[in-house]
PDB file of N, CA and C in Angstrom:
ATOM      1  N   MET A   1      32.840 225.246 343.941  1.00  0.00           N
ATOM      2  CA  MET A   1      33.696 224.331 343.334  1.00  0.00           C
ATOM      3  C   MET A   1      35.324 224.233 343.795  1.00  0.00           C
ATOM      4  N   TYR A   2      35.390 222.523 343.833  1.00  0.00           N
ATOM      5  CA  TYR A   2      36.448 222.262 344.955  1.00  0.00           C
ATOM      6  C   TYR A   2      37.526 221.360 344.070  1.00  0.00           C
ATOM      7  N   ASN A   3      38.551 222.188 343.660  1.00  0.00           N
ATOM      8  CA  ASN A   3      39.887 222.036 343.170  1.00  0.00           C
ATOM      9  C   ASN A   3      41.082 221.656 343.760  1.00  0.00           C
ATOM     10  N   ASN A   4      41.300 219.990 344.229  1.00  0.00           N
ATOM     11  CA  ASN A   4      42.441 220.136 344.873  1.00  0.00           C
ATOM     12  C   ASN A   4      43.244 220.350 344.272  1.00  0.00           C
ATOM     13  N   LEU A   5      43.995 220.708 343.117  1.00  0.00           N
ATOM     14  CA  LEU A   5      45.098 220.975 342.594  1.00  0.00           C
ATOM     15  C   LEU A   5      45.370 222.395 342.625  1.00  0.00           C
ATOM     16  N   MET A   6      44.309 223.221 342.168  1.00  0.00           N
ATOM     17  CA  MET A   6      44.274 224.788 342.538  1.00  0.00           C
ATOM     18  C   MET A   6      44.284 225.203 343.608  1.00  0.00           C
ATOM     19  N   HIS A   7      44.082 224.382 344.766  1.00  0.00           N
ATOM     20  CA  HIS A   7      44.239 224.825 346.035  1.00  0.00           C
ATOM     21  C   HIS A   7      45.849 224.639 346.586  1.00  0.00           C
ATOM     22  N   ARG A   8      46.376 223.407 345.945  1.00  0.00           N
ATOM     23  CA  ARG A   8      47.869 223.495 346.360  1.00  0.00           C
ATOM     24  C   ARG A   8      48.654 224.630 345.861  1.00  0.00           C
ATOM     25  N   ILE A   9      48.803 224.933 344.084  1.00  0.00           N
ATOM     26  CA  ILE A   9      49.118 225.710 343.858  1.00  0.00           C
ATOM     27  C   ILE A   9      48.943 226.980 344.259  1.00  0.00           C
ATOM     28  N   VAL A  10      47.981 227.046 344.737  1.00  0.00           N
ATOM     29  CA  VAL A  10      47.677 228.575 345.504  1.00  0.00           C
ATOM     30  C   VAL A  10      48.393 228.565 346.992  1.00  0.00           C
ATOM     31  N   ILE A  11      48.378 227.833 347.713  1.00  0.00           N
ATOM     32  CA  ILE A  11      48.950 227.460 348.399  1.00  0.00           C
ATOM     33  C   ILE A  11      50.542 227.999 348.423  1.00  0.00           C
ATOM     34  N   LEU A  12      50.999 227.018 347.806  1.00  0.00           N
ATOM     35  CA  LEU A  12      52.329 226.899 347.492  1.00  0.00           C
ATOM     36  C   LEU A  12      53.071 228.013 346.914  1.00  0.00           C
ATOM     37  N   SER A  13      52.224 228.841 346.355  1.00  0.00           N
ATOM     38  CA  SER A  13      52.569 229.910 345.674  1.00  0.00           C
ATOM     39  C   SER A  13      52.699 231.076 346.803  1.00  0.00           C
ATOM     40  N   GLY A  14      51.595 230.966 347.741  1.00  0.00           N
ATOM     41  CA  GLY A  14      51.301 231.870 348.954  1.00  0.00           C
ATOM     42  C   GLY A  14      52.861 231.516 349.762  1.00  0.00           C
ATOM     43  N   PHE A  15      52.860 230.579 349.739  1.00  0.00           N
ATOM     44  CA  PHE A  15      54.699 230.078 351.161  1.00  0.00           C
ATOM     45  C   PHE A  15      55.224 230.788 350.009  1.00  0.00           C
ATOM     46  N   ALA A  16      55.533 230.341 348.909  1.00  0.00           N
ATOM     47  CA  ALA A  16      56.714 231.024 348.013  1.00  0.00           C
ATOM     48  C   ALA A  16      57.052 232.729 348.455  1.00  0.00           C
ATOM     49  N   VAL A  17      55.606 233.478 348.152  1.00  0.00           N
ATOM     50  CA  VAL A  17      55.542 234.900 348.268  1.00  0.00           C
ATOM     51  C   VAL A  17      56.050 235.377 350.137  1.00  0.00           C
ATOM     52  N   ALA A  18      55.362 234.552 351.067  1.00  0.00           N
ATOM     53  CA  ALA A  18      55.544 234.457 352.426  1.00  0.00           C
ATOM     54  C   ALA A  18      57.055 234.411 352.423  1.00  0.00           C
ATOM     55  N   LEU A  19      57.538 233.613 352.037  1.00  0.00           N
ATOM     56  CA  LEU A  19      59.335 232.915 352.222  1.00  0.00           C
ATOM     57  C   LEU A  19      59.888 234.553 351.921  1.00  0.00           C
ATOM     58  N   LEU A  20      59.760 234.800 350.531  1.00  0.00           N
ATOM     59  CA  LEU A  20      60.397 236.312 350.137  1.00  0.00           C
ATOM     60  C   LEU A  20      60.391 237.292 351.207  1.00  0.00           C
ATOM     61  N   CYS A  21      59.118 237.474 351.812  1.00  0.00           N
ATOM     62  CA  CYS A  21      58.785 238.556 352.423  1.00  0.00           C
ATOM     63  C   CYS A  21      59.383 238.447 353.737  1.00  0.00           C
ATOM     64  N   PHE A  22      59.468 236.800 354.293  1.00  0.00           N
ATOM     65  CA  PHE A  22      60.496 236.904 355.736  1.00  0.00           C
ATOM     66  C   PHE A  22      61.884 237.065 355.530  1.00  0.00           C
ATOM     67  N   VAL A  23      62.308 236.575 354.212  1.00  0.00           N
ATOM     68  CA  VAL A  23      63.833 237.091 353.878  1.00  0.00           C
ATOM     69  C   VAL A  23      64.065 238.316 354.035  1.00  0.00           C
ATOM     70  N   TRP A  24      62.870 239.191 353.211  1.00  0.00           N
ATOM     71  CA  TRP A  24      63.218 240.719 353.441  1.00  0.00           C
ATOM     72  C   TRP A  24      63.481 241.165 354.574  1.00  0.00           C
ATOM     73  N   ASN A  25      62.430 241.254 355.874  1.00  0.00           N
ATOM     74  CA  ASN A  25      62.340 241.522 356.862  1.00  0.00           C
ATOM     75  C   ASN A  25      63.276 241.223 357.748  1.00  0.00           C
ATOM     76  N   MET A  26      63.573 239.914 357.495  1.00  0.00           N
ATOM     77  CA  MET A  26      64.968 239.513 358.384  1.00  0.00           C
ATOM     78  C   MET A  26      66.028 240.397 357.985  1.00  0.00           C
ATOM     79  N   MET A  27      66.302 240.507 356.869  1.00  0.00           N
ATOM     80  CA  MET A  27      67.578 241.245 356.023  1.00  0.00           C
ATOM     81  C   MET A  27      67.214 242.883 356.426  1.00  0.00           C
ATOM     82  N   LYS A  28      66.072 243.008 356.969  1.00  0.00           N
ATOM     83  CA  LYS A  28      65.965 244.541 357.111  1.00  0.00           C
ATOM     84  C   LYS A  28      66.045 245.000 358.126  1.00  0.00           C
ATOM     85  N   SER A  29      64.969 244.226 358.973  1.00  0.00           N
ATOM     86  CA  SER A  29      64.918 244.481 360.474  1.00  0.00           C
ATOM     87  C   SER A  29      65.582 243.372 361.452  1.00  0.00           C
ATOM     88  N   GLY A  30      65.824 242.350 361.102  1.00  0.00           N
ATOM     89  CA  GLY A  30      66.630 241.497 362.025  1.00  0.00           C
ATOM     90  C   GLY A  30      65.521 240.917 363.336  1.00  0.00           C
ATOM     91  N   ASP A  31      64.402 241.008 363.206  1.00  0.00           N
ATOM     92  CA  ASP A  31      63.943 240.601 364.533  1.00  0.00           C
ATOM     93  C   ASP A  31      63.023 239.291 363.854  1.00  0.00           C
ATOM     94  N   ILE A  32      63.486 238.084 364.284  1.00  0.00           N
ATOM     95  CA  ILE A  32      62.665 236.713 363.558  1.00  0.00           C
ATOM     96  C   ILE A  32      61.252 237.118 364.340  1.00  0.00           C
ATOM     97  N   LEU A  33      60.737 237.148 365.504  1.00  0.00           N
ATOM     98  CA  LEU A  33      59.410 237.195 365.575  1.00  0.00           C
ATOM     99  C   LEU A  33      58.417 238.376 364.408  1.00  0.00           C
ATOM    100  N   TYR A  34      58.913 239.803 364.646  1.00  0.00           N
ATOM    101  CA  TYR A  34      58.110 240.252 363.686  1.00  0.00           C
ATOM    102  C   TYR A  34      58.216 239.696 362.387  1.00  0.00           C
ATOM    103  N   SER A  35      59.522 239.120 361.310  1.00  0.00           N
ATOM    104  CA  SER A  35      59.176 238.587 360.110  1.00  0.00           C
ATOM    105  C   SER A  35      58.565 237.504 360.596  1.00  0.00           C
ATOM    106  N   ALA A  36      58.320 236.484 361.494  1.00  0.00           N
ATOM    107  CA  ALA A  36      57.466 235.588 360.991  1.00  0.00           C
ATOM    108  C   ALA A  36      56.053 236.017 361.069  1.00  0.00           C
ATOM    109  N   PHE A  37      55.567 237.055 362.029  1.00  0.00           N
ATOM    110  CA  PHE A  37      54.226 237.405 361.834  1.00  0.00           C
ATOM    111  C   PHE A  37      53.779 237.911 360.459  1.00  0.00           C
ATOM    112  N   VAL A  38      54.806 238.887 360.007  1.00  0.00           N
ATOM    113  CA  VAL A  38      54.343 239.801 359.048  1.00  0.00           C
ATOM    114  C   VAL A  38      54.508 238.814 357.541  1.00  0.00           C
ATOM    115  N   SER A  39      55.492 237.456 357.699  1.00  0.00           N
ATOM    116  CA  SER A  39      55.031 236.759 356.523  1.00  0.00           C
ATOM    117  C   SER A  39      53.989 235.743 356.924  1.00  0.00           C
ATOM    118  N   LEU A  40      53.614 235.508 357.715  1.00  0.00           N
ATOM    119  CA  LEU A  40      51.990 234.667 358.434  1.00  0.00           C
ATOM    120  C   LEU A  40      50.857 235.548 357.619  1.00  0.00           C
ATOM    121  N   CYS A  41      51.213 236.951 358.101  1.00  0.00           N
ATOM    122  CA  CYS A  41      49.911 238.093 357.296  1.00  0.00           C
ATOM    123  C   CYS A  41      50.364 238.082 355.994  1.00  0.00           C
ATOM    124  N   VAL A  42      51.231 237.875 355.445  1.00  0.00           N
ATOM    125  CA  VAL A  42      51.476 237.835 354.238  1.00  0.00           C
ATOM    126  C   VAL A  42      50.594 236.768 353.003  1.00  0.00           C
ATOM    127  N   LEU A  43      51.228 235.433 353.821  1.00  0.00           N
ATOM    128  CA  LEU A  43      50.770 234.533 353.389  1.00  0.00           C
ATOM    129  C   LEU A  43      49.425 233.745 353.465  1.00  0.00           C
ATOM    130  N   PHE A  44      48.558 234.481 354.197  1.00  0.00           N
ATOM    131  CA  PHE A  44      46.854 234.667 354.238  1.00  0.00           C
ATOM    132  C   PHE A  44      46.378 235.584 353.612  1.00  0.00           C
ATOM    133  N   ALA A  45      47.282 236.876 353.249  1.00  0.00           N
ATOM    134  CA  ALA A  45      46.743 237.545 352.434  1.00  0.00           C
ATOM    135  C   ALA A  45      46.941 237.151 350.907  1.00  0.00           C
ATOM    136  N   VAL A  46      47.828 236.999 350.401  1.00  0.00           N
ATOM    137  CA  VAL A  46      48.337 236.377 349.303  1.00  0.00           C
ATOM    138  C   VAL A  46      47.543 235.318 348.747  1.00  0.00           C
ATOM    139  N   SER A  47      47.276 234.306 349.515  1.00  0.00           N
ATOM    140  CA  SER A  47      46.613 232.977 349.468  1.00  0.00           C
ATOM    141  C   SER A  47      45.387 233.174 349.180  1.00  0.00           C
ATOM    142  N   THR A  48      44.651 233.930 350.251  1.00  0.00           N
ATOM    143  CA  THR A  48      43.305 234.086 349.805  1.00  0.00           C
ATOM    144  C   THR A  48      42.993 235.304 348.333  1.00  0.00           C
ATOM    145  N   VAL A  49      43.584 235.860 347.690  1.00  0.00           N
ATOM    146  CA  VAL A  49      43.813 236.787 346.446  1.00  0.00           C
ATOM    147  C   VAL A  49      43.833 235.749 345.566  1.00  0.00           C
ATOM    148  N   PHE A  50      45.200 234.823 345.620  1.00  0.00           N
ATOM    149  CA  PHE A  50      45.564 234.066 344.516  1.00  0.00           C
ATOM    150  C   PHE A  50      43.640 232.734 344.762  1.00  0.00           C
ATOM    151  N   LEU A  51      43.487 232.587 345.756  1.00  0.00           N
ATOM    152  CA  LEU A  51      42.502 231.679 345.335  1.00  0.00           C
ATOM    153  C   LEU A  51      41.293 232.447 344.765  1.00  0.00           C
ATOM    154  N   ILE A  52      40.882 233.624 345.307  1.00  0.00           N
ATOM    155  CA  ILE A  52      39.957 234.235 344.603  1.00  0.00           C
ATOM    156  C   ILE A  52      39.910 234.501 343.027  1.00  0.00           C
ATOM    157  N   ALA A  53      41.061 234.596 342.863  1.00  0.00           N
ATOM    158  CA  ALA A  53      41.596 235.037 341.254  1.00  0.00           C
ATOM    159  C   ALA A  53      41.476 234.149 340.476  1.00  0.00           C
ATOM    160  N   THR A  54      42.110 232.602 340.824  1.00  0.00           N
ATOM    161  CA  THR A  54      41.922 231.579 339.836  1.00  0.00           C
ATOM    162  C   THR A  54      40.620 230.983 339.993  1.00  0.00           C
ATOM    163  N   GLN A  55      39.748 231.178 341.083  1.00  0.00           N
ATOM    164  CA  GLN A  55      38.565 230.764 340.900  1.00  0.00           C
ATOM    165  C   GLN A  55      37.536 231.434 339.745  1.00  0.00           C
ATOM    166  N   SER A  56      38.177 232.641 339.839  1.00  0.00           N
ATOM    167  CA  SER A  56      37.013 233.423 339.235  1.00  0.00           C
ATOM    168  C   SER A  56      37.613 233.354 337.594  1.00  0.00           C
ATOM    169  N   ILE A  57      38.743 233.116 337.443  1.00  0.00           N
ATOM    170  CA  ILE A  57      39.175 232.863 335.752  1.00  0.00           C
ATOM    171  C   ILE A  57      38.467 231.474 335.503  1.00  0.00           C
ATOM    172  N   ALA A  58      38.920 230.278 336.631  1.00  0.00           N
ATOM    173  CA  ALA A  58      38.324 229.256 336.529  1.00  0.00           C
ATOM    174  C   ALA A  58      36.598 229.189 335.939  1.00  0.00           C
ATOM    175  N   GLY A  59      36.024 229.958 336.853  1.00  0.00           N
ATOM    176  CA  GLY A  59      34.702 230.052 336.394  1.00  0.00           C
ATOM    177  C   GLY A  59      34.022 230.460 335.019  1.00  0.00           C
ATOM    178  N   VAL A  60      35.124 231.430 335.020  1.00  0.00           N
ATOM    179  CA  VAL A  60      34.778 232.026 333.143  1.00  0.00           C
ATOM    180  C   VAL A  60      35.282 230.795 332.075  1.00  0.00           C
ATOM    181  N   LEU A  61      36.387 230.427 332.405  1.00  0.00           N
ATOM    182  CA  LEU A  61      36.795 229.523 331.649  1.00  0.00           C
ATOM    183  C   LEU A  61      35.883 228.239 331.191  1.00  0.00           C
ATOM    184  N   PHE A  62      35.445 227.665 332.498  1.00  0.00           N
ATOM    185  CA  PHE A  62      34.397 226.896 332.794  1.00  0.00           C
ATOM    186  C   PHE A  62      33.310 227.157 331.736  1.00  0.00           C
ATOM    187  N   LYS A  63      32.815 228.434 331.696  1.00  0.00           N
ATOM    188  CA  LYS A  63      31.740 228.857 331.139  1.00  0.00           C
ATOM    189  C   LYS A  63      32.151 228.723 329.938  1.00  0.00           C
ATOM    190  N   HIS A  64      32.808 229.407 329.348  1.00  0.00           N
ATOM    191  CA  HIS A  64      33.210 229.682 328.191  1.00  0.00           C
ATOM    192  C   HIS A  64      33.171 228.007 327.521  1.00  0.00           C
ATOM    193  N   LEU A  65      33.854 227.316 328.084  1.00  0.00           N
ATOM    194  CA  LEU A  65      34.050 225.712 327.921  1.00  0.00           C
ATOM    195  C   LEU A  65      32.923 224.946 327.490  1.00  0.00           C
ATOM    196  N   SER A  66      31.486 225.579 328.278  1.00  0.00           N
ATOM    197  CA  SER A  66      30.508 224.515 328.426  1.00  0.00           C
ATOM    198  C   SER A  66      29.718 225.185 327.360  1.00  0.00           C
ATOM    199  N   GLU A  67      29.812 226.522 327.159  1.00  0.00           N
ATOM    200  CA  GLU A  67      28.737 226.988 325.853  1.00  0.00           C
ATOM    201  C   GLU A  67      29.548 226.453 324.588  1.00  0.00           C
ATOM    202  N   LYS A  68      30.909 226.521 324.587  1.00  0.00           N
ATOM    203  CA  LYS A  68      31.547 225.840 322.808  1.00  0.00           C
ATOM    204  C   LYS A  68      31.448 224.656 323.065  1.00  0.00           C
ATOM    205  N   LYS A  69      31.170 223.628 323.901  1.00  0.00           N
ATOM    206  CA  LYS A  69      30.992 222.333 323.839  1.00  0.00           C
ATOM    207  C   LYS A  69      29.317 221.911 323.666  1.00  0.00           C
ATOM    208  N   ALA A  70      28.597 222.778 324.121  1.00  0.00           N
ATOM    209  CA  ALA A  70      27.228 222.771 323.873  1.00  0.00           C
ATOM    210  C   ALA A  70      27.016 223.109 322.183  1.00  0.00           C
ATOM    211  N   GLN A  71      27.422 224.211 321.789  1.00  0.00           N
ATOM    212  CA  GLN A  71      27.765 224.756 320.528  1.00  0.00           C
ATOM    213  C   GLN A  71      27.933 223.530 319.464  1.00  0.00           C
ATOM    214  N   GLN A  72      29.104 222.583 320.073  1.00  0.00           N
ATOM    215  CA  GLN A  72      29.535 221.587 319.291  1.00  0.00           C
ATOM    216  C   GLN A  72      28.513 220.541 318.913  1.00  0.00           C
ATOM    217  N   MET A  73      27.632 220.350 320.184  1.00  0.00           N
ATOM    218  CA  MET A  73      26.782 219.322 320.461  1.00  0.00           C
ATOM    219  C   MET A  73      25.530 219.529 319.079  1.00  0.00           C
ATOM    220  N   LYS A  74      25.413 220.861 319.031  1.00  0.00           N
ATOM    221  CA  LYS A  74      24.196 221.029 318.593  1.00  0.00           C
ATOM    222  C   LYS A  74      24.278 220.760 317.026  1.00  0.00           C
ATOM    223  N   GLU A  75      25.889 221.472 316.455  1.00  0.00           N
ATOM    224  CA  GLU A  75      26.074 221.443 315.027  1.00  0.00           C
ATOM    225  C   GLU A  75      26.235 219.917 314.793  1.00  0.00           C
ATOM    226  N   GLU A  76      27.078 218.908 315.561  1.00  0.00           N
ATOM    227  CA  GLU A  76      27.031 217.516 315.392  1.00  0.00           C
ATOM    228  C   GLU A  76      25.571 216.740 315.374  1.00  0.00           C
ATOM    229  N   LEU A  77      24.345 217.485 315.780  1.00  0.00           N
ATOM    230  CA  LEU A  77      22.902 216.990 315.675  1.00  0.00           C
ATOM    231  C   LEU A  77      22.373 217.418 314.589  1.00  0.00           C
ATOM    232  N   ALA A  78      23.338 218.398 314.048  1.00  0.00           N
ATOM    233  CA  ALA A  78      22.017 219.079 312.943  1.00  0.00           C
ATOM    234  C   ALA A  78      22.889 218.504 311.756  1.00  0.00           C
ATOM    235  N   LYS A  79      24.102 218.167 311.878  1.00  0.00           N
ATOM    236  CA  LYS A  79      24.595 217.305 310.883  1.00  0.00           C
ATOM    237  C   LYS A  79      24.218 215.604 310.853  1.00  0.00           C
ATOM    238  N   ARG A  80      23.958 215.143 311.939  1.00  0.00           N
ATOM    239  CA  ARG A  80      23.415 213.963 311.976  1.00  0.00           C
ATOM    240  C   ARG A  80      22.134 214.159 311.273  1.00  0.00           C
ATOM    241  N   LYS A  81      20.853 214.555 311.710  1.00  0.00           N
ATOM    242  CA  LYS A  81      19.785 215.179 311.164  1.00  0.00           C
ATOM    243  C   LYS A  81      19.792 215.462 309.974  1.00  0.00           C
ATOM    244  N   GLN A  82      20.904 215.957 309.561  1.00  0.00           N
ATOM    245  CA  GLN A  82      20.742 216.074 307.662  1.00  0.00           C
ATOM    246  C   GLN A  82      21.080 215.044 306.913  1.00  0.00           C
ATOM    247  N   GLN A  83      22.703 214.087 307.784  1.00  0.00           N
ATOM    248  CA  GLN A  83      22.225 212.917 306.881  1.00  0.00           C
ATOM    249  C   GLN A  83      21.488 211.383 306.892  1.00  0.00           C
ATOM    250  N   LEU A  84      20.393 211.526 308.048  1.00  0.00           N
ATOM    251  CA  LEU A  84      19.386 211.123 308.186  1.00  0.00           C
ATOM    252  C   LEU A  84      18.101 211.451 307.329  1.00  0.00           C
ATOM    253  N   GLU A  85      18.240 212.965 306.765  1.00  0.00           N
ATOM    254  CA  GLU A  85      17.311 213.091 306.066  1.00  0.00           C
ATOM    255  C   GLU A  85      17.289 212.663 304.519  1.00  0.00           C
ATOM    256  N   GLU A  86      18.988 212.885 304.431  1.00  0.00           N
ATOM    257  CA  GLU A  86      19.254 212.731 302.722  1.00  0.00           C
ATOM    258  C   GLU A  86      19.360 210.683 302.921  1.00  0.00           C
ATOM    259  N   GLU A  87      19.596 210.010 303.781  1.00  0.00           N
ATOM    260  CA  GLU A  87      19.431 208.779 303.813  1.00  0.00           C
ATOM    261  C   GLU A  87      17.984 208.540 303.655  1.00  0.00           C
ATOM    262  N   ASN A  88      16.818 209.209 304.472  1.00  0.00           N
ATOM    263  CA  ASN A  88      15.411 208.771 304.050  1.00  0.00           C
ATOM    264  C   ASN A  88      15.185 209.090 302.633  1.00  0.00           C
ATOM    265  N   ARG A  89      15.652 210.402 302.172  1.00  0.00           N
ATOM    266  CA  ARG A  89      15.429 210.623 300.650  1.00  0.00           C
ATOM    267  C   ARG A  89      15.864 209.816 299.876  1.00  0.00           C
ATOM    268  N   LYS A  90      16.858 209.384 299.407  1.00  0.00           N
ATOM    269  CA  LYS A  90      17.823 207.697 298.831  1.00  0.00           C
ATOM    270  C   LYS A  90      16.783 206.756 299.193  1.00  0.00           C
ATOM    271  N   LYS A  91      16.018 206.282 300.288  1.00  0.00           N
ATOM    272  CA  LYS A  91      15.176 205.270 300.592  1.00  0.00           C
ATOM    273  C   LYS A  91      13.776 205.232 299.958  1.00  0.00           C
ATOM    274  N   ALA A  92      13.583 206.455 299.598  1.00  0.00           N
ATOM    275  CA  ALA A  92      12.012 206.835 299.404  1.00  0.00           C
ATOM    276  C   ALA A  92      12.197 206.964 297.510  1.00  0.00           C
ATOM    277  N   LYS A  93      13.324 207.456 297.127  1.00  0.00           N
ATOM    278  CA  LYS A  93      13.575 207.213 295.660  1.00  0.00           C
ATOM    279  C   LYS A  93      13.791 205.733 295.404  1.00  0.00           C
ATOM    280  N   ALA A  94      14.649 205.059 296.059  1.00  0.00           N
ATOM    281  CA  ALA A  94      14.724 203.741 296.001  1.00  0.00           C
ATOM    282  C   ALA A  94      13.483 202.840 295.894  1.00  0.00           C
ATOM    283  N   SER A  95      12.542 203.277 296.280  1.00  0.00           N
ATOM    284  CA  SER A  95      11.302 202.135 296.646  1.00  0.00           C
ATOM    285  C   SER A  95      10.540 202.503 295.678  1.00  0.00           C
TER     286      SER A  95
END
Protein backbone atom coordinates (compact mmCIF):
# COMPACT_ATOMS: atom_id res chain seq x y z
CA MET A 1 0.00 0.00 0.00
CA TYR A 2 1.77 3.14 -1.23
CA ASN A 3 0.68 6.51 0.05
CA ASN A 4 2.77 9.48 -1.06
CA LEU A 5 1.46 11.88 1.61
CA MET A 6 2.02 9.36 4.39
CA HIS A 7 5.62 8.78 3.28
CA ARG A 8 6.28 12.52 3.12
CA ILE A 9 4.96 13.01 6.65
CA VAL A 10 7.07 10.13 7.94
CA ILE A 11 10.22 11.42 6.26
CA LEU A 12 9.65 14.99 7.46
CA SER A 13 9.08 13.83 11.03
CA GLY A 14 12.21 11.68 10.77
CA PHE A 15 14.22 14.70 9.60
CA ALA A 16 12.85 16.76 12.48
CA VAL A 17 13.95 14.15 15.03
CA ALA A 18 17.33 13.80 13.29
CA LEU A 19 17.83 17.57 13.36
CA LEU A 20 17.10 17.66 17.08
CA CYS A 21 19.54 14.80 17.57
CA PHE A 22 22.17 16.63 15.51
CA VAL A 23 21.81 19.83 17.53
CA TRP A 24 21.89 17.88 20.80
CA ASN A 25 25.06 16.01 19.80
CA MET A 26 26.74 19.18 18.52
CA MET A 27 26.11 20.90 21.84
CA LYS A 28 27.20 17.83 23.79
CA SER A 29 30.32 16.72 21.89
CA GLY A 30 31.15 19.47 19.40
CA ASP A 31 32.22 16.98 16.71
CA ILE A 32 30.31 17.63 13.49
CA LEU A 33 31.12 14.28 11.84
CA TYR A 34 29.99 12.27 14.84
CA SER A 35 26.84 14.35 15.14
CA ALA A 36 26.07 13.94 11.44
CA PHE A 37 26.62 10.17 11.59
CA VAL A 38 24.39 9.75 14.64
CA SER A 39 21.72 11.97 13.08
CA LEU A 40 21.78 9.93 9.87
CA CYS A 41 21.36 6.71 11.86
CA VAL A 42 18.52 8.27 13.83
CA LEU A 43 16.87 9.45 10.60
CA PHE A 44 16.81 5.95 9.13
CA ALA A 45 15.68 4.34 12.39
CA VAL A 46 12.93 6.84 13.14
CA SER A 47 11.66 6.87 9.55
CA THR A 48 11.49 3.08 9.50
CA VAL A 49 9.65 2.88 12.82
CA PHE A 50 7.24 5.69 11.90
CA LEU A 51 6.54 4.14 8.50
CA ILE A 52 5.79 0.72 9.97
CA ALA A 53 3.58 2.26 12.65
CA THR A 54 1.61 4.47 10.25
CA GLN A 55 1.14 1.64 7.75
CA SER A 56 -0.12 -0.63 10.52
CA ILE A 57 -2.55 2.01 11.74
CA ALA A 58 -3.66 2.76 8.18
CA GLY A 59 -4.27 -0.95 7.55
CA VAL A 60 -6.43 -1.28 10.65
CA LEU A 61 -8.40 1.86 9.78
CA PHE A 62 -8.87 0.70 6.18
CA LYS A 63 -10.20 -2.66 7.35
CA HIS A 64 -12.56 -1.00 9.83
CA LEU A 65 -13.88 1.47 7.26
CA SER A 66 -14.32 -1.27 4.65
CA GLU A 67 -16.36 -3.34 7.10
CA LYS A 68 -18.43 -0.30 8.04
CA LYS A 69 -19.08 0.53 4.38
CA ALA A 70 -20.08 -3.08 3.65
CA GLN A 71 -22.50 -3.00 6.59
CA GLN A 72 -24.03 0.25 5.33
CA MET A 73 -24.43 -1.23 1.85
CA LYS A 74 -26.21 -4.27 3.33
CA GLU A 75 -28.55 -2.01 5.31
CA GLU A 76 -29.32 0.09 2.23
CA LEU A 77 -29.97 -3.06 0.20
CA ALA A 78 -32.33 -4.39 2.88
CA LYS A 79 -34.22 -1.07 2.96
CA ARG A 80 -34.51 -1.03 -0.82
CA LYS A 81 -35.73 -4.62 -0.84
CA GLN A 82 -38.35 -3.78 1.78
CA GLN A 83 -39.51 -0.76 -0.26
CA LEU A 84 -39.85 -2.88 -3.39
CA GLU A 85 -41.86 -5.50 -1.49
CA GLU A 86 -44.20 -2.81 -0.17
CA GLU A 87 -44.65 -1.37 -3.67
CA ASN A 88 -45.41 -4.83 -5.05
CA ARG A 89 -48.00 -5.43 -2.31
CA LYS A 90 -49.67 -2.09 -3.08
CA LYS A 91 -49.76 -2.93 -6.79
CA ALA A 92 -51.21 -6.37 -6.04
CA LYS A 93 -53.95 -4.84 -3.87
CA ALA A 94 -54.74 -2.23 -6.52
CA SER A 95 -55.15 -4.88 -9.22
